[in-house]
Amino acid sequence: MRNLSSIDGTGRIDLDRATPSHQVACVTHAGQDVIIVPVDSSFGLRPAAEQARTIEAFQRCAAASGMAGTAVAVWDDGTGRMAFRAPPPLHEFLRNIDIVYVATALNRELVCD
């Protein structure tokens, strides 16, 4: 399996570069642990099935790294707003934060082999 992504100079993950380490924000919202993975803006242009596979891979990596919570992907939608792919119960929370919040909340390293 090829590596899915790496952090670029902006703190976002470039999905086309190969490195198994990602800076993530592990937060708790309404009693639920959430692992926020900032990804490159090109993520939003990828097919839904590919997005889902990538998030599933992040979820597996998180579990293998001992991180509890639901992995979600966030990215700049090109207009300066944050887009995301997450389960519906997290949508309201994610609509109320922005990419700056995520950047300041980066507090763990997700390692994928």
PDB file of N, CA and C in Angstrom:
ATOM      1  N   MET A   1       0.848  -1.178   0.000  1.00  0.00           N
ATOM      2  CA  MET A   1       0.000   0.000   0.000  1.00  0.00           C
ATOM      3  C   MET A   1       0.889   1.235   0.000  1.00  0.00           C
ATOM      4  N   ARG A   2       0.610   2.177  -0.866  1.00  0.00           N
ATOM      5  CA  ARG A   2       1.418   3.390  -0.903  1.00  0.00           C
ATOM      6  C   ARG A   2       1.016   4.294   0.247  1.00  0.00           C
ATOM      7  N   ASN A   3       1.963   5.107   0.678  1.00  0.00           N
ATOM      8  CA  ASN A   3       1.656   6.068   1.724  1.00  0.00           C
ATOM      9  C   ASN A   3       0.675   7.082   1.187  1.00  0.00           C
ATOM     10  N   LEU A   4      -0.235   7.516   2.012  1.00  0.00           N
ATOM     11  CA  LEU A   4      -1.319   8.368   1.545  1.00  0.00           C
ATOM     12  C   LEU A   4      -0.989   9.843   1.500  1.00  0.00           C
ATOM     13  N   SER A   5      -0.095  10.315   2.357  1.00  0.00           N
ATOM     14  CA  SER A   5       0.038  11.761   2.426  1.00  0.00           C
ATOM     15  C   SER A   5       1.228  12.199   3.243  1.00  0.00           C
ATOM     16  N   SER A   6       1.438  13.503   3.260  1.00  0.00           N
ATOM     17  CA  SER A   6       2.444  14.104   4.131  1.00  0.00           C
ATOM     18  C   SER A   6       2.061  15.538   4.413  1.00  0.00           C
ATOM     19  N   ILE A   7       2.693  16.092   5.418  1.00  0.00           N
ATOM     20  CA  ILE A   7       2.435  17.485   5.762  1.00  0.00           C
ATOM     21  C   ILE A   7       3.229  18.366   4.819  1.00  0.00           C
ATOM     22  N   ASP A   8       2.592  19.383   4.261  1.00  0.00           N
ATOM     23  CA  ASP A   8       3.328  20.363   3.464  1.00  0.00           C
ATOM     24  C   ASP A   8       3.707  21.529   4.370  1.00  0.00           C
ATOM     25  N   GLY A   9       4.313  22.546   3.828  1.00  0.00           N
ATOM     26  CA  GLY A   9       4.797  23.671   4.617  1.00  0.00           C
ATOM     27  C   GLY A   9       3.712  24.471   5.304  1.00  0.00           C
ATOM     28  N   THR A  10       2.459  24.283   4.930  1.00  0.00           N
ATOM     29  CA  THR A  10       1.364  25.047   5.521  1.00  0.00           C
ATOM     30  C   THR A  10       0.677  24.290   6.645  1.00  0.00           C
ATOM     31  N   GLY A  11       1.131  23.078   6.939  1.00  0.00           N
ATOM     32  CA  GLY A  11       0.486  22.280   7.972  1.00  0.00           C
ATOM     33  C   GLY A  11      -0.612  21.390   7.424  1.00  0.00           C
ATOM     34  N   ARG A  12      -0.917  21.530   6.129  1.00  0.00           N
ATOM     35  CA  ARG A  12      -1.919  20.657   5.508  1.00  0.00           C
ATOM     36  C   ARG A  12      -1.221  19.418   4.971  1.00  0.00           C
ATOM     37  N   ILE A  13      -1.972  18.377   4.772  1.00  0.00           N
ATOM     38  CA  ILE A  13      -1.403  17.146   4.252  1.00  0.00           C
ATOM     39  C   ILE A  13      -1.502  17.149   2.740  1.00  0.00           C
ATOM     40  N   ASP A  14      -0.364  16.924   2.090  1.00  0.00           N
ATOM     41  CA  ASP A  14      -0.315  16.793   0.639  1.00  0.00           C
ATOM     42  C   ASP A  14      -0.479  15.307   0.338  1.00  0.00           C
ATOM     43  N   LEU A  15      -1.616  14.932  -0.214  1.00  0.00           N
ATOM     44  CA  LEU A  15      -1.942  13.519  -0.397  1.00  0.00           C
ATOM     45  C   LEU A  15      -1.091  12.826  -1.446  1.00  0.00           C
ATOM     46  N   ASP A  16      -0.331  13.582  -2.239  1.00  0.00           N
ATOM     47  CA  ASP A  16       0.481  12.971  -3.279  1.00  0.00           C
ATOM     48  C   ASP A  16       1.926  12.739  -2.847  1.00  0.00           C
ATOM     49  N   ARG A  17       2.314  13.259  -1.702  1.00  0.00           N
ATOM     50  CA  ARG A  17       3.672  13.058  -1.212  1.00  0.00           C
ATOM     51  C   ARG A  17       3.683  11.888  -0.248  1.00  0.00           C
ATOM     52  N   ALA A  18       4.787  11.154  -0.244  1.00  0.00           N
ATOM     53  CA  ALA A  18       4.846   9.930   0.554  1.00  0.00           C
ATOM     54  C   ALA A  18       5.610  10.141   1.853  1.00  0.00           C
ATOM     55  N   THR A  19       4.909  10.147   2.947  1.00  0.00           N
ATOM     56  CA  THR A  19       5.496  10.081   4.277  1.00  0.00           C
ATOM     57  C   THR A  19       4.415   9.577   5.218  1.00  0.00           C
ATOM     58  N   PRO A  20       4.784   8.776   6.181  1.00  0.00           N
ATOM     59  CA  PRO A  20       3.765   8.164   7.030  1.00  0.00           C
ATOM     60  C   PRO A  20       3.410   8.946   8.292  1.00  0.00           C
ATOM     61  N   SER A  21       3.785  10.211   8.398  1.00  0.00           N
ATOM     62  CA  SER A  21       3.563  10.963   9.622  1.00  0.00           C
ATOM     63  C   SER A  21       2.722  12.204   9.351  1.00  0.00           C
ATOM     64  N   HIS A  22       1.726  12.464  10.210  1.00  0.00           N
ATOM     65  CA  HIS A  22       0.813  13.589  10.022  1.00  0.00           C
ATOM     66  C   HIS A  22       0.559  14.284  11.351  1.00  0.00           C
ATOM     67  N   GLN A  23       0.566  15.599  11.357  1.00  0.00           N
ATOM     68  CA  GLN A  23       0.174  16.363  12.534  1.00  0.00           C
ATOM     69  C   GLN A  23      -1.349  16.413  12.558  1.00  0.00           C
ATOM     70  N   VAL A  24      -1.941  16.100  13.691  1.00  0.00           N
ATOM     71  CA  VAL A  24      -3.397  16.081  13.819  1.00  0.00           C
ATOM     72  C   VAL A  24      -3.809  16.816  15.088  1.00  0.00           C
ATOM     73  N   ALA A  25      -5.067  17.201  15.125  1.00  0.00           N
ATOM     74  CA  ALA A  25      -5.645  17.823  16.315  1.00  0.00           C
ATOM     75  C   ALA A  25      -6.575  16.810  16.970  1.00  0.00           C
ATOM     76  N   CYS A  26      -6.209  16.350  18.149  1.00  0.00           N
ATOM     77  CA  CYS A  26      -7.069  15.451  18.915  1.00  0.00           C
ATOM     78  C   CYS A  26      -7.835  16.314  19.907  1.00  0.00           C
ATOM     79  N   VAL A  27      -9.139  16.376  19.728  1.00  0.00           N
ATOM     80  CA  VAL A  27      -9.988  17.217  20.568  1.00  0.00           C
ATOM     81  C   VAL A  27     -11.178  16.394  21.049  1.00  0.00           C
ATOM     82  N   THR A  28     -11.850  16.911  22.055  1.00  0.00           N
ATOM     83  CA  THR A  28     -13.080  16.288  22.531  1.00  0.00           C
ATOM     84  C   THR A  28     -14.204  17.288  22.352  1.00  0.00           C
ATOM     85  N   HIS A  29     -15.277  16.843  21.717  1.00  0.00           N
ATOM     86  CA  HIS A  29     -16.456  17.687  21.526  1.00  0.00           C
ATOM     87  C   HIS A  29     -17.678  16.907  21.993  1.00  0.00           C
ATOM     88  N   ALA A  30     -18.428  17.495  22.898  1.00  0.00           N
ATOM     89  CA  ALA A  30     -19.649  16.877  23.430  1.00  0.00           C
ATOM     90  C   ALA A  30     -19.386  15.447  23.893  1.00  0.00           C
ATOM     91  N   GLY A  31     -18.230  15.249  24.534  1.00  0.00           N
ATOM     92  CA  GLY A  31     -17.887  13.943  25.063  1.00  0.00           C
ATOM     93  C   GLY A  31     -17.355  12.960  24.044  1.00  0.00           C
ATOM     94  N   GLN A  32     -17.210  13.376  22.793  1.00  0.00           N
ATOM     95  CA  GLN A  32     -16.725  12.489  21.741  1.00  0.00           C
ATOM     96  C   GLN A  32     -15.326  12.913  21.320  1.00  0.00           C
ATOM     97  N   ASP A  33     -14.399  11.947  21.293  1.00  0.00           N
ATOM     98  CA  ASP A  33     -13.045  12.223  20.827  1.00  0.00           C
ATOM     99  C   ASP A  33     -13.042  12.320  19.308  1.00  0.00           C
ATOM    100  N   VAL A  34     -12.363  13.350  18.811  1.00  0.00           N
ATOM    101  CA  VAL A  34     -12.295  13.602  17.371  1.00  0.00           C
ATOM    102  C   VAL A  34     -10.832  13.790  16.991  1.00  0.00           C
ATOM    103  N   ILE A  35     -10.418  13.129  15.922  1.00  0.00           N
ATOM    104  CA  ILE A  35      -9.065  13.265  15.393  1.00  0.00           C
ATOM    105  C   ILE A  35      -9.189  14.042  14.087  1.00  0.00           C
ATOM    106  N   ILE A  36      -8.805  15.306  14.119  1.00  0.00           N
ATOM    107  CA  ILE A  36      -8.953  16.179  12.954  1.00  0.00           C
ATOM    108  C   ILE A  36      -7.657  16.133  12.153  1.00  0.00           C
ATOM    109  N   VAL A  37      -7.772  15.689  10.905  1.00  0.00           N
ATOM    110  CA  VAL A  37      -6.611  15.549  10.033  1.00  0.00           C
ATOM    111  C   VAL A  37      -6.698  16.610   8.933  1.00  0.00           C
ATOM    112  N   PRO A  38      -5.845  17.643   8.973  1.00  0.00           N
ATOM    113  CA  PRO A  38      -5.863  18.629   7.893  1.00  0.00           C
ATOM    114  C   PRO A  38      -5.214  18.038   6.641  1.00  0.00           C
ATOM    115  N   VAL A  39      -5.916  18.116   5.530  1.00  0.00           N
ATOM    116  CA  VAL A  39      -5.422  17.569   4.267  1.00  0.00           C
ATOM    117  C   VAL A  39      -5.318  18.682   3.232  1.00  0.00           C
ATOM    118  N   ASP A  40      -4.620  18.402   2.162  1.00  0.00           N
ATOM    119  CA  ASP A  40      -4.459  19.355   1.074  1.00  0.00           C
ATOM    120  C   ASP A  40      -5.812  19.666   0.440  1.00  0.00           C
ATOM    121  N   SER A  41      -5.948  20.861  -0.102  1.00  0.00           N
ATOM    122  CA  SER A  41      -7.228  21.269  -0.692  1.00  0.00           C
ATOM    123  C   SER A  41      -7.655  20.384  -1.856  1.00  0.00           C
ATOM    124  N   SER A  42      -6.715  19.685  -2.487  1.00  0.00           N
ATOM    125  CA  SER A  42      -7.079  18.789  -3.590  1.00  0.00           C
ATOM    126  C   SER A  42      -7.942  17.624  -3.113  1.00  0.00           C
ATOM    127  N   PHE A  43      -7.957  17.364  -1.813  1.00  0.00           N
ATOM    128  CA  PHE A  43      -8.766  16.276  -1.265  1.00  0.00           C
ATOM    129  C   PHE A  43     -10.231  16.445  -1.661  1.00  0.00           C
ATOM    130  N   GLY A  44     -10.725  17.675  -1.650  1.00  0.00           N
ATOM    131  CA  GLY A  44     -12.122  17.940  -1.989  1.00  0.00           C
ATOM    132  C   GLY A  44     -12.471  17.623  -3.428  1.00  0.00           C
ATOM    133  N   LEU A  45     -11.462  17.523  -4.290  1.00  0.00           N
ATOM    134  CA  LEU A  45     -11.691  17.222  -5.704  1.00  0.00           C
ATOM    135  C   LEU A  45     -11.624  15.731  -5.998  1.00  0.00           C
ATOM    136  N   ARG A  46     -11.221  14.968  -5.038  1.00  0.00           N
ATOM    137  CA  ARG A  46     -11.082  13.524  -5.244  1.00  0.00           C
ATOM    138  C   ARG A  46     -12.446  12.840  -5.170  1.00  0.00           C
ATOM    139  N   PRO A  47     -12.591  11.704  -5.841  1.00  0.00           N
ATOM    140  CA  PRO A  47     -13.869  10.977  -5.780  1.00  0.00           C
ATOM    141  C   PRO A  47     -14.226  10.610  -4.337  1.00  0.00           C
ATOM    142  N   ALA A  48     -15.511  10.567  -4.063  1.00  0.00           N
ATOM    143  CA  ALA A  48     -15.995  10.265  -2.710  1.00  0.00           C
ATOM    144  C   ALA A  48     -15.445   8.943  -2.193  1.00  0.00           C
ATOM    145  N   ALA A  49     -15.351   7.947  -3.052  1.00  0.00           N
ATOM    146  CA  ALA A  49     -14.841   6.641  -2.621  1.00  0.00           C
ATOM    147  C   ALA A  49     -13.377   6.744  -2.190  1.00  0.00           C
ATOM    148  N   GLU A  50     -12.600   7.537  -2.902  1.00  0.00           N
ATOM    149  CA  GLU A  50     -11.194   7.724  -2.535  1.00  0.00           C
ATOM    150  C   GLU A  50     -11.081   8.497  -1.218  1.00  0.00           C
ATOM    151  N   GLN A  51     -11.926   9.507  -1.049  1.00  0.00           N
ATOM    152  CA  GLN A  51     -11.942  10.244   0.213  1.00  0.00           C
ATOM    153  C   GLN A  51     -12.255   9.290   1.369  1.00  0.00           C
ATOM    154  N   ALA A  52     -13.251   8.453   1.180  1.00  0.00           N
ATOM    155  CA  ALA A  52     -13.649   7.507   2.233  1.00  0.00           C
ATOM    156  C   ALA A  52     -12.512   6.541   2.559  1.00  0.00           C
ATOM    157  N   ARG A  53     -11.829   6.031   1.529  1.00  0.00           N
ATOM    158  CA  ARG A  53     -10.707   5.114   1.765  1.00  0.00           C
ATOM    159  C   ARG A  53      -9.586   5.804   2.540  1.00  0.00           C
ATOM    160  N   THR A  54      -9.325   7.056   2.199  1.00  0.00           N
ATOM    161  CA  THR A  54      -8.271   7.802   2.890  1.00  0.00           C
ATOM    162  C   THR A  54      -8.620   7.984   4.358  1.00  0.00           C
ATOM    163  N   ILE A  55      -9.856   8.362   4.640  1.00  0.00           N
ATOM    164  CA  ILE A  55     -10.268   8.556   6.030  1.00  0.00           C
ATOM    165  C   ILE A  55     -10.257   7.226   6.780  1.00  0.00           C
ATOM    166  N   GLU A  56     -10.660   6.149   6.122  1.00  0.00           N
ATOM    167  CA  GLU A  56     -10.587   4.827   6.754  1.00  0.00           C
ATOM    168  C   GLU A  56      -9.143   4.481   7.101  1.00  0.00           C
ATOM    169  N   ALA A  57      -8.214   4.828   6.211  1.00  0.00           N
ATOM    170  CA  ALA A  57      -6.793   4.581   6.486  1.00  0.00           C
ATOM    171  C   ALA A  57      -6.326   5.417   7.674  1.00  0.00           C
ATOM    172  N   PHE A  58      -6.746   6.687   7.737  1.00  0.00           N
ATOM    173  CA  PHE A  58      -6.407   7.520   8.893  1.00  0.00           C
ATOM    174  C   PHE A  58      -6.971   6.901  10.173  1.00  0.00           C
ATOM    175  N   GLN A  59      -8.187   6.378  10.107  1.00  0.00           N
ATOM    176  CA  GLN A  59      -8.820   5.772  11.284  1.00  0.00           C
ATOM    177  C   GLN A  59      -8.028   4.553  11.747  1.00  0.00           C
ATOM    178  N   ARG A  60      -7.604   3.712  10.799  1.00  0.00           N
ATOM    179  CA  ARG A  60      -6.802   2.535  11.150  1.00  0.00           C
ATOM    180  C   ARG A  60      -5.467   2.948  11.768  1.00  0.00           C
ATOM    181  N   CYS A  61      -4.830   3.960  11.178  1.00  0.00           N
ATOM    182  CA  CYS A  61      -3.548   4.451  11.708  1.00  0.00           C
ATOM    183  C   CYS A  61      -3.725   4.986  13.121  1.00  0.00           C
ATOM    184  N   ALA A  62      -4.802   5.718  13.336  1.00  0.00           N
ATOM    185  CA  ALA A  62      -5.066   6.285  14.661  1.00  0.00           C
ATOM    186  C   ALA A  62      -5.235   5.168  15.686  1.00  0.00           C
ATOM    187  N   ALA A  63      -6.010   4.157  15.343  1.00  0.00           N
ATOM    188  CA  ALA A  63      -6.225   3.036  16.263  1.00  0.00           C
ATOM    189  C   ALA A  63      -4.907   2.321  16.549  1.00  0.00           C
ATOM    190  N   ALA A  64      -4.108   2.110  15.506  1.00  0.00           N
ATOM    191  CA  ALA A  64      -2.819   1.442  15.679  1.00  0.00           C
ATOM    192  C   ALA A  64      -1.856   2.280  16.513  1.00  0.00           C
ATOM    193  N   SER A  65      -2.031   3.601  16.486  1.00  0.00           N
ATOM    194  CA  SER A  65      -1.179   4.515  17.260  1.00  0.00           C
ATOM    195  C   SER A  65      -1.705   4.738  18.670  1.00  0.00           C
ATOM    196  N   GLY A  66      -2.832   4.108  19.006  1.00  0.00           N
ATOM    197  CA  GLY A  66      -3.408   4.255  20.332  1.00  0.00           C
ATOM    198  C   GLY A  66      -4.248   5.504  20.521  1.00  0.00           C
ATOM    199  N   MET A  67      -4.646   6.133  19.430  1.00  0.00           N
ATOM    200  CA  MET A  67      -5.491   7.326  19.513  1.00  0.00           C
ATOM    201  C   MET A  67      -6.952   6.914  19.473  1.00  0.00           C
ATOM    202  N   ALA A  68      -7.706   7.402  20.439  1.00  0.00           N
ATOM    203  CA  ALA A  68      -9.142   7.135  20.463  1.00  0.00           C
ATOM    204  C   ALA A  68      -9.857   8.244  19.716  1.00  0.00           C
ATOM    205  N   GLY A  69     -10.935   7.898  19.059  1.00  0.00           N
ATOM    206  CA  GLY A  69     -11.753   8.918  18.424  1.00  0.00           C
ATOM    207  C   GLY A  69     -12.053   8.634  16.974  1.00  0.00           C
ATOM    208  N   THR A  70     -12.842   9.534  16.414  1.00  0.00           N
ATOM    209  CA  THR A  70     -13.259   9.447  15.024  1.00  0.00           C
ATOM    210  C   THR A  70     -12.364  10.334  14.180  1.00  0.00           C
ATOM    211  N   ALA A  71     -11.738   9.762  13.157  1.00  0.00           N
ATOM    212  CA  ALA A  71     -10.888  10.537  12.255  1.00  0.00           C
ATOM    213  C   ALA A  71     -11.761  11.276  11.250  1.00  0.00           C
ATOM    214  N   VAL A  72     -11.479  12.562  11.079  1.00  0.00           N
ATOM    215  CA  VAL A  72     -12.176  13.385  10.092  1.00  0.00           C
ATOM    216  C   VAL A  72     -11.131  14.159   9.300  1.00  0.00           C
ATOM    217  N   ALA A  73     -11.434  14.441   8.060  1.00  0.00           N
ATOM    218  CA  ALA A  73     -10.536  15.227   7.210  1.00  0.00           C
ATOM    219  C   ALA A  73     -11.095  16.630   7.057  1.00  0.00           C
ATOM    220  N   VAL A  74     -10.208  17.626   7.119  1.00  0.00           N
ATOM    221  CA  VAL A  74     -10.596  19.017   6.890  1.00  0.00           C
ATOM    222  C   VAL A  74      -9.615  19.630   5.900  1.00  0.00           C
ATOM    223  N   TRP A  75     -10.116  20.601   5.109  1.00  0.00           N
ATOM    224  CA  TRP A  75      -9.256  21.259   4.127  1.00  0.00           C
ATOM    225  C   TRP A  75      -9.818  22.625   3.785  1.00  0.00           C
ATOM    226  N   ASP A  76      -8.953  23.466   3.228  1.00  0.00           N
ATOM    227  CA  ASP A  76      -9.370  24.776   2.728  1.00  0.00           C
ATOM    228  C   ASP A  76     -10.092  24.527   1.411  1.00  0.00           C
ATOM    229  N   ASP A  77     -11.313  25.032   1.292  1.00  0.00           N
ATOM    230  CA  ASP A  77     -12.109  24.764   0.088  1.00  0.00           C
ATOM    231  C   ASP A  77     -11.738  25.649  -1.097  1.00  0.00           C
ATOM    232  N   GLY A  78     -10.716  26.464  -0.945  1.00  0.00           N
ATOM    233  CA  GLY A  78     -10.290  27.335  -2.035  1.00  0.00           C
ATOM    234  C   GLY A  78     -10.827  28.746  -1.921  1.00  0.00           C
ATOM    235  N   THR A  79     -11.785  28.945  -1.030  1.00  0.00           N
ATOM    236  CA  THR A  79     -12.343  30.282  -0.817  1.00  0.00           C
ATOM    237  C   THR A  79     -11.979  30.809   0.567  1.00  0.00           C
ATOM    238  N   GLY A  80     -11.098  30.085   1.255  1.00  0.00           N
ATOM    239  CA  GLY A  80     -10.723  30.477   2.604  1.00  0.00           C
ATOM    240  C   GLY A  80     -11.591  29.861   3.678  1.00  0.00           C
ATOM    241  N   ARG A  81     -12.585  29.096   3.277  1.00  0.00           N
ATOM    242  CA  ARG A  81     -13.447  28.415   4.249  1.00  0.00           C
ATOM    243  C   ARG A  81     -12.991  26.976   4.403  1.00  0.00           C
ATOM    244  N   MET A  82     -13.330  26.389   5.530  1.00  0.00           N
ATOM    245  CA  MET A  82     -12.944  25.013   5.790  1.00  0.00           C
ATOM    246  C   MET A  82     -14.037  24.060   5.324  1.00  0.00           C
ATOM    247  N   ALA A  83     -13.627  23.072   4.548  1.00  0.00           N
ATOM    248  CA  ALA A  83     -14.524  21.984   4.159  1.00  0.00           C
ATOM    249  C   ALA A  83     -14.120  20.764   4.987  1.00  0.00           C
ATOM    250  N   PHE A  84     -14.996  19.780   5.050  1.00  0.00           N
ATOM    251  CA  PHE A  84     -14.682  18.602   5.853  1.00  0.00           C
ATOM    252  C   PHE A  84     -15.442  17.394   5.337  1.00  0.00           C
ATOM    253  N   ARG A  85     -14.941  16.233   5.728  1.00  0.00           N
ATOM    254  CA  ARG A  85     -15.649  14.968   5.517  1.00  0.00           C
ATOM    255  C   ARG A  85     -15.659  14.278   6.872  1.00  0.00           C
ATOM    256  N   ALA A  86     -16.867  14.088   7.391  1.00  0.00           N
ATOM    257  CA  ALA A  86     -17.023  13.560   8.744  1.00  0.00           C
ATOM    258  C   ALA A  86     -18.414  12.969   8.897  1.00  0.00           C
ATOM    259  N   PRO A  87     -18.615  12.144   9.919  1.00  0.00           N
ATOM    260  CA  PRO A  87     -19.958  11.629  10.192  1.00  0.00           C
ATOM    261  C   PRO A  87     -20.913  12.784  10.529  1.00  0.00           C
ATOM    262  N   PRO A  88     -22.188  12.656  10.150  1.00  0.00           N
ATOM    263  CA  PRO A  88     -23.166  13.729  10.393  1.00  0.00           C
ATOM    264  C   PRO A  88     -23.211  14.279  11.818  1.00  0.00           C
ATOM    265  N   PRO A  89     -23.055  13.457  12.872  1.00  0.00           N
ATOM    266  CA  PRO A  89     -23.114  14.045  14.218  1.00  0.00           C
ATOM    267  C   PRO A  89     -22.022  15.091  14.496  1.00  0.00           C
ATOM    268  N   LEU A  90     -20.965  15.107  13.688  1.00  0.00           N
ATOM    269  CA  LEU A  90     -19.881  16.070  13.897  1.00  0.00           C
ATOM    270  C   LEU A  90     -19.996  17.306  13.007  1.00  0.00           C
ATOM    271  N   HIS A  91     -20.963  17.331  12.104  1.00  0.00           N
ATOM    272  CA  HIS A  91     -21.072  18.439  11.152  1.00  0.00           C
ATOM    273  C   HIS A  91     -21.238  19.793  11.830  1.00  0.00           C
ATOM    274  N   GLU A  92     -22.110  19.882  12.817  1.00  0.00           N
ATOM    275  CA  GLU A  92     -22.337  21.178  13.466  1.00  0.00           C
ATOM    276  C   GLU A  92     -21.052  21.684  14.113  1.00  0.00           C
ATOM    277  N   PHE A  93     -20.355  20.815  14.824  1.00  0.00           N
ATOM    278  CA  PHE A  93     -19.084  21.197  15.441  1.00  0.00           C
ATOM    279  C   PHE A  93     -18.104  21.701  14.388  1.00  0.00           C
ATOM    280  N   LEU A  94     -17.943  20.956  13.298  1.00  0.00           N
ATOM    281  CA  LEU A  94     -16.966  21.320  12.276  1.00  0.00           C
ATOM    282  C   LEU A  94     -17.366  22.588  11.521  1.00  0.00           C
ATOM    283  N   ARG A  95     -18.653  22.854  11.401  1.00  0.00           N
ATOM    284  CA  ARG A  95     -19.101  24.103  10.766  1.00  0.00           C
ATOM    285  C   ARG A  95     -18.750  25.324  11.616  1.00  0.00           C
ATOM    286  N   ASN A  96     -18.556  25.106  12.907  1.00  0.00           N
ATOM    287  CA  ASN A  96     -18.306  26.211  13.828  1.00  0.00           C
ATOM    288  C   ASN A  96     -16.833  26.435  14.157  1.00  0.00           C
ATOM    289  N   ILE A  97     -15.943  25.717  13.495  1.00  0.00           N
ATOM    290  CA  ILE A  97     -14.512  25.967  13.651  1.00  0.00           C
ATOM    291  C   ILE A  97     -13.943  26.292  12.278  1.00  0.00           C
ATOM    292  N   ASP A  98     -12.704  26.730  12.249  1.00  0.00           N
ATOM    293  CA  ASP A  98     -12.072  27.022  10.962  1.00  0.00           C
ATOM    294  C   ASP A  98     -10.667  26.427  10.931  1.00  0.00           C
ATOM    295  N   ILE A  99     -10.012  26.597   9.791  1.00  0.00           N
ATOM    296  CA  ILE A  99      -8.699  26.002   9.589  1.00  0.00           C
ATOM    297  C   ILE A  99      -7.669  26.600  10.550  1.00  0.00           C
ATOM    298  N   VAL A 100      -7.864  27.857  10.957  1.00  0.00           N
ATOM    299  CA  VAL A 100      -6.958  28.483  11.930  1.00  0.00           C
ATOM    300  C   VAL A 100      -7.085  27.780  13.280  1.00  0.00           C
ATOM    301  N   TYR A 101      -8.320  27.484  13.692  1.00  0.00           N
ATOM    302  CA  TYR A 101      -8.539  26.729  14.931  1.00  0.00           C
ATOM    303  C   TYR A 101      -7.810  25.397  14.853  1.00  0.00           C
ATOM    304  N   VAL A 102      -7.968  24.702  13.724  1.00  0.00           N
ATOM    305  CA  VAL A 102      -7.333  23.389  13.568  1.00  0.00           C
ATOM    306  C   VAL A 102      -5.816  23.534  13.667  1.00  0.00           C
ATOM    307  N   ALA A 103      -5.258  24.524  12.980  1.00  0.00           N
ATOM    308  CA  ALA A 103      -3.805  24.715  12.991  1.00  0.00           C
ATOM    309  C   ALA A 103      -3.283  24.970  14.402  1.00  0.00           C
ATOM    310  N   THR A 104      -4.035  25.712  15.195  1.00  0.00           N
ATOM    311  CA  THR A 104      -3.585  25.996  16.560  1.00  0.00           C
ATOM    312  C   THR A 104      -3.833  24.821  17.501  1.00  0.00           C
ATOM    313  N   ALA A 105      -4.690  23.893  17.101  1.00  0.00           N
ATOM    314  CA  ALA A 105      -5.018  22.739  17.947  1.00  0.00           C
ATOM    315  C   ALA A 105      -4.174  21.503  17.631  1.00  0.00           C
ATOM    316  N   LEU A 106      -3.296  21.571  16.631  1.00  0.00           N
ATOM    317  CA  LEU A 106      -2.466  20.412  16.295  1.00  0.00           C
ATOM    318  C   LEU A 106      -1.658  20.020  17.527  1.00  0.00           C
ATOM    319  N   ASN A 107      -1.870  18.788  17.992  1.00  0.00           N
ATOM    320  CA  ASN A 107      -1.253  18.392  19.252  1.00  0.00           C
ATOM    321  C   ASN A 107      -0.738  16.958  19.294  1.00  0.00           C
ATOM    322  N   ARG A 108      -0.883  16.239  18.208  1.00  0.00           N
ATOM    323  CA  ARG A 108      -0.424  14.843  18.164  1.00  0.00           C
ATOM    324  C   ARG A 108       0.144  14.557  16.789  1.00  0.00           C
ATOM    325  N   GLU A 109       0.916  13.491  16.733  1.00  0.00           N
ATOM    326  CA  GLU A 109       1.452  13.030  15.461  1.00  0.00           C
ATOM    327  C   GLU A 109       0.829  11.673  15.152  1.00  0.00           C
ATOM    328  N   LEU A 110       0.237  11.571  13.985  1.00  0.00           N
ATOM    329  CA  LEU A 110      -0.362  10.320  13.526  1.00  0.00           C
ATOM    330  C   LEU A 110       0.657   9.638  12.627  1.00  0.00           C
ATOM    331  N   VAL A 111       1.057   8.436  12.992  1.00  0.00           N
ATOM    332  CA  VAL A 111       2.059   7.705  12.227  1.00  0.00           C
ATOM    333  C   VAL A 111       1.385   6.533  11.539  1.00  0.00           C
ATOM    334  N   CYS A 112       1.509   6.493  10.225  1.00  0.00           N
ATOM    335  CA  CYS A 112       0.946   5.404   9.421  1.00  0.00           C
ATOM    336  C   CYS A 112       2.088   4.639   8.770  1.00  0.00           C
ATOM    337  N   ASP A 113       2.039   3.334   8.887  1.00  0.00           N
ATOM    338  CA  ASP A 113       3.069   2.499   8.256  1.00  0.00           C
ATOM    339  C   ASP A 113       2.600   1.962   6.938  1.00  0.00           C
TER     340      ASP A 113
END
